Amino acid sequence: MKLEIPNWIIILGGIGQIFTALIYPYIRHKVFDWYNDVKQLKPLNQEIAKTYGRYIQGLNFSFGLIAILMPSDLKNHTNLAIAITGLIAAYWVGKVITQIAYYPMYDIPQKKNFKIGSFFMNALFVFFAIVYSLLLIVNLTNH
């Protein structure tokens, strides 16, 4: 059996990743009060935290653009397709593992819209992890 992932699923994942990049500042500000917490750090550590936040946002946006603009290239069995899908799969699988392992230990606001948003975002993260892991498997098995 040959697994084929339709381009529309890859593009849908890309749209979702761009959405996560765009919603990221709102979540940090409204849900986690992140900016007030960061202000308590030393100035250099503030800049490091902000830089890593931008990296996350930039990666999510970039992965989304790649998926939207080049879905066929992500499944063409080349070494580059393997490398990119492997990178993106590892990123999202790591995110899901982090969500499960660490985030339940912390207090997240229990407002209804935050609970719904949390469920939706976690579902997106799992979707991304599955899509890119499957893309990696397809690329590896047909290489």
C-alpha atoms as a PDB file:
ATOM      1  CA  MET A   1       0.000   0.000   0.000  1.00  0.00           C
ATOM      2  CA  LYS A   2       1.374   3.364  -1.024  1.00  0.00           C
ATOM      3  CA  LEU A   3       0.455   6.241   1.278  1.00  0.00           C
ATOM      4  CA  GLU A   4      -0.358   9.447  -0.560  1.00  0.00           C
ATOM      5  CA  ILE A   5      -0.913  12.710   1.291  1.00  0.00           C
ATOM      6  CA  PRO A   6      -3.038  15.136  -0.740  1.00  0.00           C
ATOM      7  CA  ASN A   7      -1.682  18.632  -1.283  1.00  0.00           C
ATOM      8  CA  TRP A   8      -4.786  20.172   0.300  1.00  0.00           C
ATOM      9  CA  ILE A   9      -3.930  18.559   3.650  1.00  0.00           C
ATOM     10  CA  ILE A  10      -0.394  19.953   3.475  1.00  0.00           C
ATOM     11  CA  ILE A  11      -1.760  23.382   2.523  1.00  0.00           C
ATOM     12  CA  LEU A  12      -4.301  23.207   5.359  1.00  0.00           C
ATOM     13  CA  GLY A  13      -1.410  22.468   7.716  1.00  0.00           C
ATOM     14  CA  GLY A  14       0.430  25.470   6.296  1.00  0.00           C
ATOM     15  CA  ILE A  15      -2.538  27.738   6.902  1.00  0.00           C
ATOM     16  CA  GLY A  16      -2.759  26.413  10.455  1.00  0.00           C
ATOM     17  CA  GLN A  17       0.918  27.074  11.071  1.00  0.00           C
ATOM     18  CA  ILE A  18       0.610  30.654   9.834  1.00  0.00           C
ATOM     19  CA  PHE A  19      -2.422  31.026  12.098  1.00  0.00           C
ATOM     20  CA  THR A  20      -0.349  29.866  15.085  1.00  0.00           C
ATOM     21  CA  ALA A  21       2.334  32.419  14.204  1.00  0.00           C
ATOM     22  CA  LEU A  22      -0.200  35.224  13.976  1.00  0.00           C
ATOM     23  CA  ILE A  23      -2.096  34.289  17.163  1.00  0.00           C
ATOM     24  CA  TYR A  24       1.096  33.711  19.181  1.00  0.00           C
ATOM     25  CA  PRO A  25       1.475  37.327  20.433  1.00  0.00           C
ATOM     26  CA  TYR A  26      -2.168  37.384  21.560  1.00  0.00           C
ATOM     27  CA  ILE A  27      -1.781  34.155  23.502  1.00  0.00           C
ATOM     28  CA  ARG A  28       1.399  35.360  25.191  1.00  0.00           C
ATOM     29  CA  HIS A  29      -0.205  38.673  26.126  1.00  0.00           C
ATOM     30  CA  LYS A  30      -3.809  37.790  26.987  1.00  0.00           C
ATOM     31  CA  VAL A  31      -3.578  34.212  28.202  1.00  0.00           C
ATOM     32  CA  PHE A  32      -0.162  34.022  29.849  1.00  0.00           C
ATOM     33  CA  ASP A  33       0.569  37.669  30.751  1.00  0.00           C
ATOM     34  CA  TRP A  34       3.989  36.862  29.340  1.00  0.00           C
ATOM     35  CA  TYR A  35       5.199  40.421  28.889  1.00  0.00           C
ATOM     36  CA  ASN A  36       4.780  41.270  32.578  1.00  0.00           C
ATOM     37  CA  ASP A  37       6.665  38.121  33.542  1.00  0.00           C
ATOM     38  CA  VAL A  38       9.483  38.924  31.118  1.00  0.00           C
ATOM     39  CA  LYS A  39       9.829  42.428  32.614  1.00  0.00           C
ATOM     40  CA  GLN A  40      10.963  40.783  35.857  1.00  0.00           C
ATOM     41  CA  LEU A  41      14.051  39.338  34.144  1.00  0.00           C
ATOM     42  CA  LYS A  42      17.412  41.047  33.798  1.00  0.00           C
ATOM     43  CA  PRO A  43      17.620  43.123  30.585  1.00  0.00           C
ATOM     44  CA  LEU A  44      19.751  40.600  28.681  1.00  0.00           C
ATOM     45  CA  ASN A  45      17.453  37.736  29.688  1.00  0.00           C
ATOM     46  CA  GLN A  46      14.459  39.822  28.578  1.00  0.00           C
ATOM     47  CA  GLU A  47      15.991  40.148  25.128  1.00  0.00           C
ATOM     48  CA  ILE A  48      16.831  36.437  24.997  1.00  0.00           C
ATOM     49  CA  ALA A  49      13.234  35.514  25.911  1.00  0.00           C
ATOM     50  CA  LYS A  50      11.855  37.917  23.298  1.00  0.00           C
ATOM     51  CA  THR A  51      14.275  36.591  20.687  1.00  0.00           C
ATOM     52  CA  TYR A  52      13.217  32.994  21.303  1.00  0.00           C
ATOM     53  CA  GLY A  53       9.592  34.067  21.085  1.00  0.00           C
ATOM     54  CA  ARG A  54      10.309  35.611  17.687  1.00  0.00           C
ATOM     55  CA  TYR A  55      12.127  32.444  16.597  1.00  0.00           C
ATOM     56  CA  ILE A  56       9.076  30.368  17.431  1.00  0.00           C
ATOM     57  CA  GLN A  57       6.790  32.763  15.611  1.00  0.00           C
ATOM     58  CA  GLY A  58       9.126  32.926  12.619  1.00  0.00           C
ATOM     59  CA  LEU A  59       9.496  29.163  12.366  1.00  0.00           C
ATOM     60  CA  ASN A  60       5.747  28.611  12.522  1.00  0.00           C
ATOM     61  CA  PHE A  61       5.200  31.228   9.817  1.00  0.00           C
ATOM     62  CA  SER A  62       8.045  29.904   7.634  1.00  0.00           C
ATOM     63  CA  PHE A  63       6.917  26.291   7.914  1.00  0.00           C
ATOM     64  CA  GLY A  64       3.430  27.441   6.936  1.00  0.00           C
ATOM     65  CA  LEU A  65       4.685  29.318   3.876  1.00  0.00           C
ATOM     66  CA  ILE A  66       6.725  26.325   2.740  1.00  0.00           C
ATOM     67  CA  ALA A  67       3.677  24.075   3.058  1.00  0.00           C
ATOM     68  CA  ILE A  68       1.383  26.467   1.198  1.00  0.00           C
ATOM     69  CA  LEU A  69       3.797  27.366  -1.595  1.00  0.00           C
ATOM     70  CA  MET A  70       5.548  24.006  -2.093  1.00  0.00           C
ATOM     71  CA  PRO A  71       3.307  21.117  -0.995  1.00  0.00           C
ATOM     72  CA  SER A  72       4.443  18.832  -3.824  1.00  0.00           C
ATOM     73  CA  ASP A  73       8.096  19.497  -3.022  1.00  0.00           C
ATOM     74  CA  LEU A  74       7.509  18.326   0.542  1.00  0.00           C
ATOM     75  CA  LYS A  75       6.602  14.871  -0.724  1.00  0.00           C
ATOM     76  CA  ASN A  76       8.887  14.389  -3.724  1.00  0.00           C
ATOM     77  CA  HIS A  77      11.207  11.881  -1.967  1.00  0.00           C
ATOM     78  CA  THR A  78      14.362  13.980  -2.383  1.00  0.00           C
ATOM     79  CA  ASN A  79      16.975  14.375   0.314  1.00  0.00           C
ATOM     80  CA  LEU A  80      15.795  17.947   0.829  1.00  0.00           C
ATOM     81  CA  ALA A  81      12.180  16.799   1.271  1.00  0.00           C
ATOM     82  CA  ILE A  82      13.364  14.276   3.852  1.00  0.00           C
ATOM     83  CA  ALA A  83      15.394  16.931   5.681  1.00  0.00           C
ATOM     84  CA  ILE A  84      12.633  19.556   5.722  1.00  0.00           C
ATOM     85  CA  THR A  85       9.800  17.193   6.654  1.00  0.00           C
ATOM     86  CA  GLY A  86      12.053  15.620   9.292  1.00  0.00           C
ATOM     87  CA  LEU A  87      12.831  19.029  10.771  1.00  0.00           C
ATOM     88  CA  ILE A  88       9.203  20.131  10.811  1.00  0.00           C
ATOM     89  CA  ALA A  89       8.014  16.771  12.168  1.00  0.00           C
ATOM     90  CA  ALA A  90      10.596  16.872  14.976  1.00  0.00           C
ATOM     91  CA  TYR A  91       9.583  20.454  15.798  1.00  0.00           C
ATOM     92  CA  TRP A  92       5.866  19.628  16.122  1.00  0.00           C
ATOM     93  CA  VAL A  93       6.313  16.238  17.789  1.00  0.00           C
ATOM     94  CA  GLY A  94       8.572  17.980  20.312  1.00  0.00           C
ATOM     95  CA  LYS A  95       5.921  20.647  20.830  1.00  0.00           C
ATOM     96  CA  VAL A  96       3.228  18.031  21.485  1.00  0.00           C
ATOM     97  CA  ILE A  97       5.463  16.129  23.917  1.00  0.00           C
ATOM     98  CA  THR A  98       6.265  19.388  25.722  1.00  0.00           C
ATOM     99  CA  GLN A  99       2.561  20.257  25.938  1.00  0.00           C
ATOM    100  CA  ILE A 100       1.756  16.877  27.480  1.00  0.00           C
ATOM    101  CA  ALA A 101       4.779  16.598  29.757  1.00  0.00           C
ATOM    102  CA  TYR A 102       5.106  20.103  31.167  1.00  0.00           C
ATOM    103  CA  TYR A 103       2.147  22.385  30.561  1.00  0.00           C
ATOM    104  CA  PRO A 104      -0.422  20.591  32.757  1.00  0.00           C
ATOM    105  CA  MET A 105       1.734  21.483  35.769  1.00  0.00           C
ATOM    106  CA  TYR A 106       1.029  25.185  35.329  1.00  0.00           C
ATOM    107  CA  ASP A 107      -2.049  27.257  35.968  1.00  0.00           C
ATOM    108  CA  ILE A 108      -3.632  28.354  32.733  1.00  0.00           C
ATOM    109  CA  PRO A 109      -6.592  30.734  33.012  1.00  0.00           C
ATOM    110  CA  GLN A 110      -9.828  28.768  33.155  1.00  0.00           C
ATOM    111  CA  LYS A 111     -11.999  31.161  31.140  1.00  0.00           C
ATOM    112  CA  LYS A 112     -14.228  29.315  28.689  1.00  0.00           C
ATOM    113  CA  ASN A 113     -12.695  30.896  25.576  1.00  0.00           C
ATOM    114  CA  PHE A 114      -9.174  30.020  26.798  1.00  0.00           C
ATOM    115  CA  LYS A 115     -10.210  26.401  27.406  1.00  0.00           C
ATOM    116  CA  ILE A 116     -11.717  26.167  23.917  1.00  0.00           C
ATOM    117  CA  GLY A 117      -8.670  27.888  22.433  1.00  0.00           C
ATOM    118  CA  SER A 118      -6.322  25.544  24.278  1.00  0.00           C
ATOM    119  CA  PHE A 119      -8.169  22.508  22.927  1.00  0.00           C
ATOM    120  CA  PHE A 120      -8.115  23.935  19.394  1.00  0.00           C
ATOM    121  CA  MET A 121      -4.416  24.827  19.531  1.00  0.00           C
ATOM    122  CA  ASN A 122      -3.457  21.417  20.928  1.00  0.00           C
ATOM    123  CA  ALA A 123      -5.504  19.750  18.173  1.00  0.00           C
ATOM    124  CA  LEU A 124      -3.609  21.851  15.616  1.00  0.00           C
ATOM    125  CA  PHE A 125      -0.250  20.852  17.118  1.00  0.00           C
ATOM    126  CA  VAL A 126      -1.191  17.155  16.946  1.00  0.00           C
ATOM    127  CA  PHE A 127      -2.413  17.629  13.363  1.00  0.00           C
ATOM    128  CA  PHE A 128       0.908  19.230  12.376  1.00  0.00           C
ATOM    129  CA  ALA A 129       2.887  16.459  14.095  1.00  0.00           C
ATOM    130  CA  ILE A 130       0.888  13.772  12.286  1.00  0.00           C
ATOM    131  CA  VAL A 131       0.999  15.400   8.843  1.00  0.00           C
ATOM    132  CA  TYR A 132       4.733  16.057   8.888  1.00  0.00           C
ATOM    133  CA  SER A 133       5.585  12.708  10.442  1.00  0.00           C
ATOM    134  CA  LEU A 134       3.578  10.996   7.710  1.00  0.00           C
ATOM    135  CA  LEU A 135       5.283  13.144   5.074  1.00  0.00           C
ATOM    136  CA  LEU A 136       8.652  12.099   6.471  1.00  0.00           C
ATOM    137  CA  ILE A 137       7.651   8.428   6.391  1.00  0.00           C
ATOM    138  CA  VAL A 138       6.384   8.757   2.812  1.00  0.00           C
ATOM    139  CA  ASN A 139       9.630  10.418   1.765  1.00  0.00           C
ATOM    140  CA  LEU A 140      11.767   7.806   3.516  1.00  0.00           C
ATOM    141  CA  THR A 141       9.877   4.760   2.272  1.00  0.00           C
ATOM    142  CA  ASN A 142       9.791   5.892  -1.336  1.00  0.00           C
ATOM    143  CA  HIS A 143      13.322   7.339  -1.450  1.00  0.00           C
END
